[in-house]
Amino acid sequence: MNSKPTNRFIRRRGELLAKLARIGPFIEGTLVRIPRKDCKHVAHRLTFKVQGKTRAVYVPLDRVEDVIQWTKEYKRLKALIRSVTQISLGELRNHVRARRASGAAQKNSAR
């Protein structure tokens, strides 16, 4: 018999983890447009931190759309991680409350 979890926290976490599995390619950083003074050309750089220092990588024009999508996926990933963390904390707190309530009920029934 396959029993499904009835706890709302566990169900919600399962839903979020399923969304997490559908995350596409991602990259941490911010795409920056750098206008050139001498022409109408705009250069693109991906900036990110390495050991507290900002680093930049040139992004070729034909890859800009890819990098935009990858940075959006990274933001989605971060939001999902935060959500899973909150749900897991809720499940943990719920577990502690349930154990305390169960312990109190056992003490009262033993009297």
PDB file of N, CA and C in Angstrom:
ATOM      1  N   MET A   1       0.841  -1.184   0.000  1.00  0.00           N
ATOM      2  CA  MET A   1       0.000   0.000   0.000  1.00  0.00           C
ATOM      3  C   MET A   1       0.887   1.249   0.000  1.00  0.00           C
ATOM      4  N   ASN A   2       0.670   2.123  -0.944  1.00  0.00           N
ATOM      5  CA  ASN A   2       1.471   3.341  -1.082  1.00  0.00           C
ATOM      6  C   ASN A   2       0.723   4.493  -0.409  1.00  0.00           C
ATOM      7  N   SER A   3       1.217   4.924   0.745  1.00  0.00           N
ATOM      8  CA  SER A   3       0.530   6.010   1.445  1.00  0.00           C
ATOM      9  C   SER A   3       1.164   7.346   1.076  1.00  0.00           C
ATOM     10  N   LYS A   4       0.321   8.298   0.763  1.00  0.00           N
ATOM     11  CA  LYS A   4       0.813   9.630   0.428  1.00  0.00           C
ATOM     12  C   LYS A   4       0.914  10.441   1.712  1.00  0.00           C
ATOM     13  N   PRO A   5       1.921  11.320   1.809  1.00  0.00           N
ATOM     14  CA  PRO A   5       2.048  12.120   3.026  1.00  0.00           C
ATOM     15  C   PRO A   5       0.849  13.060   3.179  1.00  0.00           C
ATOM     16  N   THR A   6       0.323  13.104   4.380  1.00  0.00           N
ATOM     17  CA  THR A   6      -0.833  13.960   4.627  1.00  0.00           C
ATOM     18  C   THR A   6      -0.437  15.305   5.205  1.00  0.00           C
ATOM     19  N   ASN A   7       0.775  15.409   5.677  1.00  0.00           N
ATOM     20  CA  ASN A   7       1.246  16.661   6.254  1.00  0.00           C
ATOM     21  C   ASN A   7       1.351  17.721   5.167  1.00  0.00           C
ATOM     22  N   ARG A   8       0.756  18.881   5.413  1.00  0.00           N
ATOM     23  CA  ARG A   8       0.742  19.939   4.388  1.00  0.00           C
ATOM     24  C   ARG A   8       2.146  20.432   4.054  1.00  0.00           C
ATOM     25  N   PHE A   9       3.027  20.423   5.027  1.00  0.00           N
ATOM     26  CA  PHE A   9       4.396  20.864   4.781  1.00  0.00           C
ATOM     27  C   PHE A   9       5.120  19.895   3.838  1.00  0.00           C
ATOM     28  N   ILE A  10       4.943  18.621   4.072  1.00  0.00           N
ATOM     29  CA  ILE A  10       5.607  17.616   3.241  1.00  0.00           C
ATOM     30  C   ILE A  10       5.051  17.649   1.822  1.00  0.00           C
ATOM     31  N   ARG A  11       3.734  17.802   1.690  1.00  0.00           N
ATOM     32  CA  ARG A  11       3.129  17.899   0.355  1.00  0.00           C
ATOM     33  C   ARG A  11       3.661  19.113  -0.388  1.00  0.00           C
ATOM     34  N   ARG A  12       3.695  20.263   0.269  1.00  0.00           N
ATOM     35  CA  ARG A  12       4.152  21.504  -0.371  1.00  0.00           C
ATOM     36  C   ARG A  12       5.626  21.411  -0.757  1.00  0.00           C
ATOM     37  N   ARG A  13       6.430  20.816   0.128  1.00  0.00           N
ATOM     38  CA  ARG A  13       7.854  20.662  -0.185  1.00  0.00           C
ATOM     39  C   ARG A  13       8.033  19.763  -1.409  1.00  0.00           C
ATOM     40  N   GLY A  14       7.247  18.714  -1.501  1.00  0.00           N
ATOM     41  CA  GLY A  14       7.306  17.830  -2.668  1.00  0.00           C
ATOM     42  C   GLY A  14       6.981  18.577  -3.951  1.00  0.00           C
ATOM     43  N   GLU A  15       5.970  19.450  -3.891  1.00  0.00           N
ATOM     44  CA  GLU A  15       5.604  20.264  -5.058  1.00  0.00           C
ATOM     45  C   GLU A  15       6.756  21.180  -5.462  1.00  0.00           C
ATOM     46  N   LEU A  16       7.387  21.807  -4.474  1.00  0.00           N
ATOM     47  CA  LEU A  16       8.500  22.719  -4.761  1.00  0.00           C
ATOM     48  C   LEU A  16       9.710  21.962  -5.314  1.00  0.00           C
ATOM     49  N   LEU A  17       9.975  20.786  -4.781  1.00  0.00           N
ATOM     50  CA  LEU A  17      11.102  19.995  -5.283  1.00  0.00           C
ATOM     51  C   LEU A  17      10.855  19.546  -6.717  1.00  0.00           C
ATOM     52  N   ALA A  18       9.600  19.299  -7.064  1.00  0.00           N
ATOM     53  CA  ALA A  18       9.275  18.956  -8.448  1.00  0.00           C
ATOM     54  C   ALA A  18       9.568  20.148  -9.366  1.00  0.00           C
ATOM     55  N   LYS A  19       9.241  21.359  -8.900  1.00  0.00           N
ATOM     56  CA  LYS A  19       9.566  22.563  -9.687  1.00  0.00           C
ATOM     57  C   LYS A  19      11.079  22.729  -9.806  1.00  0.00           C
ATOM     58  N   LEU A  20      11.775  22.414  -8.743  1.00  0.00           N
ATOM     59  CA  LEU A  20      13.231  22.522  -8.729  1.00  0.00           C
ATOM     60  C   LEU A  20      13.855  21.610  -9.780  1.00  0.00           C
ATOM     61  N   ALA A  21      13.263  20.451  -9.979  1.00  0.00           N
ATOM     62  CA  ALA A  21      13.780  19.505 -10.970  1.00  0.00           C
ATOM     63  C   ALA A  21      13.611  20.029 -12.397  1.00  0.00           C
ATOM     64  N   ARG A  22      12.695  20.988 -12.585  1.00  0.00           N
ATOM     65  CA  ARG A  22      12.461  21.531 -13.926  1.00  0.00           C
ATOM     66  C   ARG A  22      13.274  22.786 -14.224  1.00  0.00           C
ATOM     67  N   ILE A  23      14.160  23.168 -13.314  1.00  0.00           N
ATOM     68  CA  ILE A  23      15.030  24.331 -13.547  1.00  0.00           C
ATOM     69  C   ILE A  23      15.980  24.000 -14.695  1.00  0.00           C
ATOM     70  N   GLY A  24      16.119  24.948 -15.605  1.00  0.00           N
ATOM     71  CA  GLY A  24      17.018  24.765 -16.743  1.00  0.00           C
ATOM     72  C   GLY A  24      18.421  25.232 -16.409  1.00  0.00           C
ATOM     73  N   PRO A  25      19.258  25.384 -17.426  1.00  0.00           N
ATOM     74  CA  PRO A  25      20.615  25.880 -17.193  1.00  0.00           C
ATOM     75  C   PRO A  25      20.566  27.241 -16.498  1.00  0.00           C
ATOM     76  N   PHE A  26      21.462  27.446 -15.572  1.00  0.00           N
ATOM     77  CA  PHE A  26      21.488  28.718 -14.843  1.00  0.00           C
ATOM     78  C   PHE A  26      22.918  29.177 -14.645  1.00  0.00           C
ATOM     79  N   ILE A  27      23.029  30.467 -14.333  1.00  0.00           N
ATOM     80  CA  ILE A  27      24.346  31.043 -14.051  1.00  0.00           C
ATOM     81  C   ILE A  27      24.154  32.169 -13.042  1.00  0.00           C
ATOM     82  N   GLU A  28      25.044  32.215 -12.080  1.00  0.00           N
ATOM     83  CA  GLU A  28      24.986  33.258 -11.070  1.00  0.00           C
ATOM     84  C   GLU A  28      25.659  34.502 -11.625  1.00  0.00           C
ATOM     85  N   GLY A  29      25.031  35.639 -11.434  1.00  0.00           N
ATOM     86  CA  GLY A  29      25.638  36.884 -11.868  1.00  0.00           C
ATOM     87  C   GLY A  29      24.618  37.851 -12.430  1.00  0.00           C
ATOM     88  N   THR A  30      25.120  38.990 -12.850  1.00  0.00           N
ATOM     89  CA  THR A  30      24.293  40.044 -13.416  1.00  0.00           C
ATOM     90  C   THR A  30      24.853  40.422 -14.776  1.00  0.00           C
ATOM     91  N   LEU A  31      23.972  40.483 -15.757  1.00  0.00           N
ATOM     92  CA  LEU A  31      24.392  40.908 -17.088  1.00  0.00           C
ATOM     93  C   LEU A  31      24.389  42.433 -17.129  1.00  0.00           C
ATOM     94  N   VAL A  32      25.517  42.989 -17.505  1.00  0.00           N
ATOM     95  CA  VAL A  32      25.685  44.446 -17.516  1.00  0.00           C
ATOM     96  C   VAL A  32      25.918  44.910 -18.951  1.00  0.00           C
ATOM     97  N   ARG A  33      25.206  45.960 -19.339  1.00  0.00           N
ATOM     98  CA  ARG A  33      25.407  46.584 -20.660  1.00  0.00           C
ATOM     99  C   ARG A  33      26.413  47.717 -20.497  1.00  0.00           C
ATOM    100  N   ILE A  34      27.420  47.732 -21.344  1.00  0.00           N
ATOM    101  CA  ILE A  34      28.459  48.765 -21.269  1.00  0.00           C
ATOM    102  C   ILE A  34      28.491  49.513 -22.592  1.00  0.00           C
ATOM    103  N   PRO A  35      27.932  50.729 -22.628  1.00  0.00           N
ATOM    104  CA  PRO A  35      27.956  51.502 -23.879  1.00  0.00           C
ATOM    105  C   PRO A  35      29.379  51.979 -24.192  1.00  0.00           C
ATOM    106  N   ARG A  36      29.701  52.004 -25.449  1.00  0.00           N
ATOM    107  CA  ARG A  36      31.016  52.468 -25.904  1.00  0.00           C
ATOM    108  C   ARG A  36      30.893  53.915 -26.349  1.00  0.00           C
ATOM    109  N   LYS A  37      31.862  54.736 -25.985  1.00  0.00           N
ATOM    110  CA  LYS A  37      31.835  56.153 -26.336  1.00  0.00           C
ATOM    111  C   LYS A  37      32.083  56.379 -27.823  1.00  0.00           C
ATOM    112  N   ASP A  38      32.948  55.572 -28.397  1.00  0.00           N
ATOM    113  CA  ASP A  38      33.396  55.820 -29.761  1.00  0.00           C
ATOM    114  C   ASP A  38      32.442  55.296 -30.843  1.00  0.00           C
ATOM    115  N   CYS A  39      31.432  54.486 -30.459  1.00  0.00           N
ATOM    116  CA  CYS A  39      30.504  53.970 -31.467  1.00  0.00           C
ATOM    117  C   CYS A  39      29.168  53.619 -30.814  1.00  0.00           C
ATOM    118  N   LYS A  40      28.241  53.137 -31.613  1.00  0.00           N
ATOM    119  CA  LYS A  40      26.918  52.784 -31.091  1.00  0.00           C
ATOM    120  C   LYS A  40      26.892  51.388 -30.475  1.00  0.00           C
ATOM    121  N   HIS A  41      28.016  50.692 -30.569  1.00  0.00           N
ATOM    122  CA  HIS A  41      28.091  49.329 -30.058  1.00  0.00           C
ATOM    123  C   HIS A  41      27.944  49.312 -28.534  1.00  0.00           C
ATOM    124  N   VAL A  42      27.259  48.283 -28.029  1.00  0.00           N
ATOM    125  CA  VAL A  42      27.133  48.073 -26.590  1.00  0.00           C
ATOM    126  C   VAL A  42      27.757  46.724 -26.267  1.00  0.00           C
ATOM    127  N   ALA A  43      28.697  46.715 -25.345  1.00  0.00           N
ATOM    128  CA  ALA A  43      29.321  45.466 -24.915  1.00  0.00           C
ATOM    129  C   ALA A  43      28.529  44.903 -23.739  1.00  0.00           C
ATOM    130  N   HIS A  44      28.600  43.619 -23.546  1.00  0.00           N
ATOM    131  CA  HIS A  44      27.919  42.968 -22.432  1.00  0.00           C
ATOM    132  C   HIS A  44      28.934  42.210 -21.593  1.00  0.00           C
ATOM    133  N   ARG A  45      28.771  42.313 -20.282  1.00  0.00           N
ATOM    134  CA  ARG A  45      29.627  41.600 -19.343  1.00  0.00           C
ATOM    135  C   ARG A  45      28.732  40.919 -18.321  1.00  0.00           C
ATOM    136  N   LEU A  46      29.141  39.742 -17.903  1.00  0.00           N
ATOM    137  CA  LEU A  46      28.490  39.065 -16.800  1.00  0.00           C
ATOM    138  C   LEU A  46      29.364  39.307 -15.583  1.00  0.00           C
ATOM    139  N   THR A  47      28.787  39.928 -14.568  1.00  0.00           N
ATOM    140  CA  THR A  47      29.553  40.188 -13.343  1.00  0.00           C
ATOM    141  C   THR A  47      29.093  39.225 -12.257  1.00  0.00           C
ATOM    142  N   PHE A  48      30.043  38.808 -11.425  1.00  0.00           N
ATOM    143  CA  PHE A  48      29.771  37.881 -10.338  1.00  0.00           C
ATOM    144  C   PHE A  48      30.874  38.022  -9.307  1.00  0.00           C
ATOM    145  N   LYS A  49      30.646  37.485  -8.119  1.00  0.00           N
ATOM    146  CA  LYS A  49      31.622  37.589  -7.037  1.00  0.00           C
ATOM    147  C   LYS A  49      32.415  36.290  -6.895  1.00  0.00           C
ATOM    148  N   VAL A  50      33.718  36.452  -6.676  1.00  0.00           N
ATOM    149  CA  VAL A  50      34.594  35.338  -6.356  1.00  0.00           C
ATOM    150  C   VAL A  50      35.386  35.757  -5.128  1.00  0.00           C
ATOM    151  N   GLN A  51      35.164  35.073  -4.029  1.00  0.00           N
ATOM    152  CA  GLN A  51      35.812  35.394  -2.758  1.00  0.00           C
ATOM    153  C   GLN A  51      35.692  36.880  -2.422  1.00  0.00           C
ATOM    154  N   GLY A  52      34.510  37.424  -2.607  1.00  0.00           N
ATOM    155  CA  GLY A  52      34.233  38.810  -2.247  1.00  0.00           C
ATOM    156  C   GLY A  52      34.655  39.856  -3.255  1.00  0.00           C
ATOM    157  N   LYS A  53      35.273  39.443  -4.336  1.00  0.00           N
ATOM    158  CA  LYS A  53      35.703  40.394  -5.366  1.00  0.00           C
ATOM    159  C   LYS A  53      34.864  40.214  -6.616  1.00  0.00           C
ATOM    160  N   THR A  54      34.488  41.335  -7.221  1.00  0.00           N
ATOM    161  CA  THR A  54      33.687  41.287  -8.435  1.00  0.00           C
ATOM    162  C   THR A  54      34.556  40.926  -9.630  1.00  0.00           C
ATOM    163  N   ARG A  55      34.084  39.962 -10.362  1.00  0.00           N
ATOM    164  CA  ARG A  55      34.748  39.536 -11.590  1.00  0.00           C
ATOM    165  C   ARG A  55      33.790  39.773 -12.743  1.00  0.00           C
ATOM    166  N   ALA A  56      34.337  39.939 -13.937  1.00  0.00           N
ATOM    167  CA  ALA A  56      33.502  40.166 -15.116  1.00  0.00           C
ATOM    168  C   ALA A  56      33.997  39.292 -16.261  1.00  0.00           C
ATOM    169  N   VAL A  57      33.043  38.791 -17.017  1.00  0.00           N
ATOM    170  CA  VAL A  57      33.342  37.967 -18.180  1.00  0.00           C
ATOM    171  C   VAL A  57      32.621  38.579 -19.369  1.00  0.00           C
ATOM    172  N   TYR A  58      33.327  38.727 -20.474  1.00  0.00           N
ATOM    173  CA  TYR A  58      32.731  39.245 -21.693  1.00  0.00           C
ATOM    174  C   TYR A  58      31.690  38.254 -22.208  1.00  0.00           C
ATOM    175  N   VAL A  59      30.534  38.778 -22.632  1.00  0.00           N
ATOM    176  CA  VAL A  59      29.479  37.949 -23.211  1.00  0.00           C
ATOM    177  C   VAL A  59      29.328  38.346 -24.677  1.00  0.00           C
ATOM    178  N   PRO A  60      29.607  37.449 -25.598  1.00  0.00           N
ATOM    179  CA  PRO A  60      29.448  37.765 -27.019  1.00  0.00           C
ATOM    180  C   PRO A  60      27.991  38.087 -27.326  1.00  0.00           C
ATOM    181  N   LEU A  61      27.781  38.937 -28.297  1.00  0.00           N
ATOM    182  CA  LEU A  61      26.441  39.394 -28.662  1.00  0.00           C
ATOM    183  C   LEU A  61      25.504  38.234 -28.981  1.00  0.00           C
ATOM    184  N   ASP A  62      26.009  37.193 -29.608  1.00  0.00           N
ATOM    185  CA  ASP A  62      25.142  36.069 -29.975  1.00  0.00           C
ATOM    186  C   ASP A  62      24.774  35.181 -28.782  1.00  0.00           C
ATOM    187  N   ARG A  63      25.358  35.424 -27.601  1.00  0.00           N
ATOM    188  CA  ARG A  63      25.037  34.643 -26.409  1.00  0.00           C
ATOM    189  C   ARG A  63      24.286  35.447 -25.358  1.00  0.00           C
ATOM    190  N   VAL A  64      24.005  36.722 -25.629  1.00  0.00           N
ATOM    191  CA  VAL A  64      23.351  37.590 -24.649  1.00  0.00           C
ATOM    192  C   VAL A  64      21.995  37.030 -24.226  1.00  0.00           C
ATOM    193  N   GLU A  65      21.183  36.595 -25.184  1.00  0.00           N
ATOM    194  CA  GLU A  65      19.851  36.063 -24.851  1.00  0.00           C
ATOM    195  C   GLU A  65      19.959  34.823 -23.970  1.00  0.00           C
ATOM    196  N   ASP A  66      20.948  33.960 -24.250  1.00  0.00           N
ATOM    197  CA  ASP A  66      21.159  32.782 -23.416  1.00  0.00           C
ATOM    198  C   ASP A  66      21.485  33.188 -21.984  1.00  0.00           C
ATOM    199  N   VAL A  67      22.399  34.135 -21.843  1.00  0.00           N
ATOM    200  CA  VAL A  67      22.828  34.562 -20.512  1.00  0.00           C
ATOM    201  C   VAL A  67      21.672  35.230 -19.763  1.00  0.00           C
ATOM    202  N   ILE A  68      20.844  35.985 -20.451  1.00  0.00           N
ATOM    203  CA  ILE A  68      19.661  36.588 -19.816  1.00  0.00           C
ATOM    204  C   ILE A  68      18.779  35.480 -19.248  1.00  0.00           C
ATOM    205  N   GLN A  69      18.530  34.444 -20.033  1.00  0.00           N
ATOM    206  CA  GLN A  69      17.690  33.335 -19.579  1.00  0.00           C
ATOM    207  C   GLN A  69      18.344  32.590 -18.417  1.00  0.00           C
ATOM    208  N   TRP A  70      19.645  32.370 -18.496  1.00  0.00           N
ATOM    209  CA  TRP A  70      20.341  31.656 -17.430  1.00  0.00           C
ATOM    210  C   TRP A  70      20.290  32.420 -16.109  1.00  0.00           C
ATOM    211  N   THR A  71      20.443  33.753 -16.167  1.00  0.00           N
ATOM    212  CA  THR A  71      20.381  34.540 -14.928  1.00  0.00           C
ATOM    213  C   THR A  71      18.961  34.533 -14.353  1.00  0.00           C
ATOM    214  N   LYS A  72      17.944  34.521 -15.216  1.00  0.00           N
ATOM    215  CA  LYS A  72      16.555  34.416 -14.733  1.00  0.00           C
ATOM    216  C   LYS A  72      16.331  33.073 -14.046  1.00  0.00           C
ATOM    217  N   GLU A  73      16.875  32.010 -14.634  1.00  0.00           N
ATOM    218  CA  GLU A  73      16.737  30.686 -14.028  1.00  0.00           C
ATOM    219  C   GLU A  73      17.436  30.640 -12.667  1.00  0.00           C
ATOM    220  N   TYR A  74      18.574  31.321 -12.548  1.00  0.00           N
ATOM    221  CA  TYR A  74      19.276  31.358 -11.266  1.00  0.00           C
ATOM    222  C   TYR A  74      18.422  32.054 -10.208  1.00  0.00           C
ATOM    223  N   LYS A  75      17.765  33.143 -10.585  1.00  0.00           N
ATOM    224  CA  LYS A  75      16.879  33.840  -9.641  1.00  0.00           C
ATOM    225  C   LYS A  75      15.714  32.953  -9.228  1.00  0.00           C
ATOM    226  N   ARG A  76      15.146  32.205 -10.191  1.00  0.00           N
ATOM    227  CA  ARG A  76      14.076  31.257  -9.869  1.00  0.00           C
ATOM    228  C   ARG A  76      14.588  30.183  -8.910  1.00  0.00           C
ATOM    229  N   LEU A  77      15.792  29.698  -9.171  1.00  0.00           N
ATOM    230  CA  LEU A  77      16.396  28.679  -8.316  1.00  0.00           C
ATOM    231  C   LEU A  77      16.548  29.192  -6.884  1.00  0.00           C
ATOM    232  N   LYS A  78      17.064  30.392  -6.734  1.00  0.00           N
ATOM    233  CA  LYS A  78      17.241  30.970  -5.401  1.00  0.00           C
ATOM    234  C   LYS A  78      15.901  31.102  -4.680  1.00  0.00           C
ATOM    235  N   ALA A  79      14.863  31.556  -5.396  1.00  0.00           N
ATOM    236  CA  ALA A  79      13.536  31.705  -4.782  1.00  0.00           C
ATOM    237  C   ALA A  79      12.987  30.342  -4.362  1.00  0.00           C
ATOM    238  N   LEU A  80      13.178  29.328  -5.188  1.00  0.00           N
ATOM    239  CA  LEU A  80      12.704  27.987  -4.831  1.00  0.00           C
ATOM    240  C   LEU A  80      13.460  27.438  -3.624  1.00  0.00           C
ATOM    241  N   ILE A  81      14.753  27.673  -3.565  1.00  0.00           N
ATOM    242  CA  ILE A  81      15.542  27.215  -2.409  1.00  0.00           C
ATOM    243  C   ILE A  81      15.030  27.873  -1.133  1.00  0.00           C
ATOM    244  N   ARG A  82      14.764  29.170  -1.190  1.00  0.00           N
ATOM    245  CA  ARG A  82      14.228  29.867  -0.016  1.00  0.00           C
ATOM    246  C   ARG A  82      12.877  29.282   0.392  1.00  0.00           C
ATOM    247  N   SER A  83      12.028  28.995  -0.597  1.00  0.00           N
ATOM    248  CA  SER A  83      10.708  28.440  -0.306  1.00  0.00           C
ATOM    249  C   SER A  83      10.808  27.051   0.321  1.00  0.00           C
ATOM    250  N   VAL A  84      11.675  26.206  -0.227  1.00  0.00           N
ATOM    251  CA  VAL A  84      11.856  24.865   0.332  1.00  0.00           C
ATOM    252  C   VAL A  84      12.380  24.969   1.761  1.00  0.00           C
ATOM    253  N   THR A  85      13.284  25.892   2.006  1.00  0.00           N
ATOM    254  CA  THR A  85      13.819  26.087   3.356  1.00  0.00           C
ATOM    255  C   THR A  85      12.705  26.484   4.321  1.00  0.00           C
ATOM    256  N   GLN A  86      11.857  27.428   3.926  1.00  0.00           N
ATOM    257  CA  GLN A  86      10.761  27.862   4.793  1.00  0.00           C
ATOM    258  C   GLN A  86       9.784  26.722   5.080  1.00  0.00           C
ATOM    259  N   ILE A  87       9.456  25.960   4.057  1.00  0.00           N
ATOM    260  CA  ILE A  87       8.546  24.822   4.228  1.00  0.00           C
ATOM    261  C   ILE A  87       9.185  23.772   5.140  1.00  0.00           C
ATOM    262  N   SER A  88      10.466  23.502   4.960  1.00  0.00           N
ATOM    263  CA  SER A  88      11.154  22.518   5.801  1.00  0.00           C
ATOM    264  C   SER A  88      11.206  22.980   7.252  1.00  0.00           C
ATOM    265  N   LEU A  89      11.426  24.270   7.466  1.00  0.00           N
ATOM    266  CA  LEU A  89      11.398  24.806   8.832  1.00  0.00           C
ATOM    267  C   LEU A  89      10.006  24.651   9.444  1.00  0.00           C
ATOM    268  N   GLY A  90       8.975  24.910   8.656  1.00  0.00           N
ATOM    269  CA  GLY A  90       7.604  24.741   9.134  1.00  0.00           C
ATOM    270  C   GLY A  90       7.325  23.292   9.500  1.00  0.00           C
ATOM    271  N   GLU A  91       7.787  22.366   8.676  1.00  0.00           N
ATOM    272  CA  GLU A  91       7.590  20.940   8.943  1.00  0.00           C
ATOM    273  C   GLU A  91       8.324  20.537  10.216  1.00  0.00           C
ATOM    274  N   LEU A  92       9.526  21.059  10.410  1.00  0.00           N
ATOM    275  CA  LEU A  92      10.307  20.758  11.609  1.00  0.00           C
ATOM    276  C   LEU A  92       9.602  21.288  12.854  1.00  0.00           C
ATOM    277  N   ARG A  93       9.132  22.520  12.792  1.00  0.00           N
ATOM    278  CA  ARG A  93       8.407  23.104  13.934  1.00  0.00           C
ATOM    279  C   ARG A  93       7.126  22.318  14.220  1.00  0.00           C
ATOM    280  N   ASN A  94       6.429  21.923  13.166  1.00  0.00           N
ATOM    281  CA  ASN A  94       5.201  21.148  13.319  1.00  0.00           C
ATOM    282  C   ASN A  94       5.499  19.803  13.988  1.00  0.00           C
ATOM    283  N   HIS A  95       6.596  19.187  13.608  1.00  0.00           N
ATOM    284  CA  HIS A  95       6.990  17.905  14.192  1.00  0.00           C
ATOM    285  C   HIS A  95       7.242  18.058  15.695  1.00  0.00           C
ATOM    286  N   VAL A  96       7.950  19.104  16.072  1.00  0.00           N
ATOM    287  CA  VAL A  96       8.259  19.345  17.486  1.00  0.00           C
ATOM    288  C   VAL A  96       6.970  19.573  18.263  1.00  0.00           C
ATOM    289  N   ARG A  97       6.054  20.388  17.710  1.00  0.00           N
ATOM    290  CA  ARG A  97       4.774  20.641  18.389  1.00  0.00           C
ATOM    291  C   ARG A  97       3.983  19.352  18.561  1.00  0.00           C
ATOM    292  N   ALA A  98       3.976  18.524  17.525  1.00  0.00           N
ATOM    293  CA  ALA A  98       3.228  17.265  17.585  1.00  0.00           C
ATOM    294  C   ALA A  98       3.817  16.330  18.637  1.00  0.00           C
ATOM    295  N   ARG A  99       5.132  16.264  18.713  1.00  0.00           N
ATOM    296  CA  ARG A  99       5.762  15.405  19.728  1.00  0.00           C
ATOM    297  C   ARG A  99       5.464  15.899  21.125  1.00  0.00           C
ATOM    298  N   ARG A 100       5.510  17.216  21.314  1.00  0.00           N
ATOM    299  CA  ARG A 100       5.195  17.760  22.643  1.00  0.00           C
ATOM    300  C   ARG A 100       3.748  17.481  23.018  1.00  0.00           C
ATOM    301  N   ALA A 101       2.852  17.665  22.061  1.00  0.00           N
ATOM    302  CA  ALA A 101       1.434  17.406  22.316  1.00  0.00           C
ATOM    303  C   ALA A 101       1.213  15.928  22.610  1.00  0.00           C
ATOM    304  N   SER A 102       1.892  15.062  21.901  1.00  0.00           N
ATOM    305  CA  SER A 102       1.760  13.622  22.105  1.00  0.00           C
ATOM    306  C   SER A 102       2.287  13.239  23.493  1.00  0.00           C
ATOM    307  N   GLY A 103       3.399  13.825  23.871  1.00  0.00           N
ATOM    308  CA  GLY A 103       3.963  13.559  25.184  1.00  0.00           C
ATOM    309  C   GLY A 103       3.056  14.034  26.299  1.00  0.00           C
ATOM    310  N   ALA A 104       2.454  15.197  26.117  1.00  0.00           N
ATOM    311  CA  ALA A 104       1.527  15.732  27.117  1.00  0.00           C
ATOM    312  C   ALA A 104       0.293  14.852  27.226  1.00  0.00           C
ATOM    313  N   ALA A 105      -0.197  14.349  26.102  1.00  0.00           N
ATOM    314  CA  ALA A 105      -1.369  13.488  26.102  1.00  0.00           C
ATOM    315  C   ALA A 105      -1.074  12.171  26.811  1.00  0.00           C
ATOM    316  N   GLN A 106       0.129  11.643  26.601  1.00  0.00           N
ATOM    317  CA  GLN A 106       0.504  10.396  27.276  1.00  0.00           C
ATOM    318  C   GLN A 106       0.614  10.585  28.778  1.00  0.00           C
ATOM    319  N   LYS A 107       1.147  11.731  29.206  1.00  0.00           N
ATOM    320  CA  LYS A 107       1.268  12.010  30.641  1.00  0.00           C
ATOM    321  C   LYS A 107      -0.115  12.121  31.270  1.00  0.00           C
ATOM    322  N   ASN A 108      -1.048  12.803  30.571  1.00  0.00           N
ATOM    323  CA  ASN A 108      -2.386  12.974  31.107  1.00  0.00           C
ATOM    324  C   ASN A 108      -3.151  11.650  31.171  1.00  0.00           C
ATOM    325  N   SER A 109      -2.946  10.770  30.227  1.00  0.00           N
ATOM    326  CA  SER A 109      -3.663   9.491  30.216  1.00  0.00           C
ATOM    327  C   SER A 109      -3.084   8.523  31.257  1.00  0.00           C
ATOM    328  N   ALA A 110      -1.827   8.732  31.639  1.00  0.00           N
ATOM    329  CA  ALA A 110      -1.193   7.864  32.646  1.00  0.00           C
ATOM    330  C   ALA A 110      -1.684   8.197  34.055  1.00  0.00           C
ATOM    331  N   ARG A 111      -2.262   9.331  34.258  1.00  0.00           N
ATOM    332  CA  ARG A 111      -2.709   9.744  35.609  1.00  0.00           C
ATOM    333  C   ARG A 111      -3.954   9.074  36.001  1.00  0.00           C
TER     334      ARG A 111
END
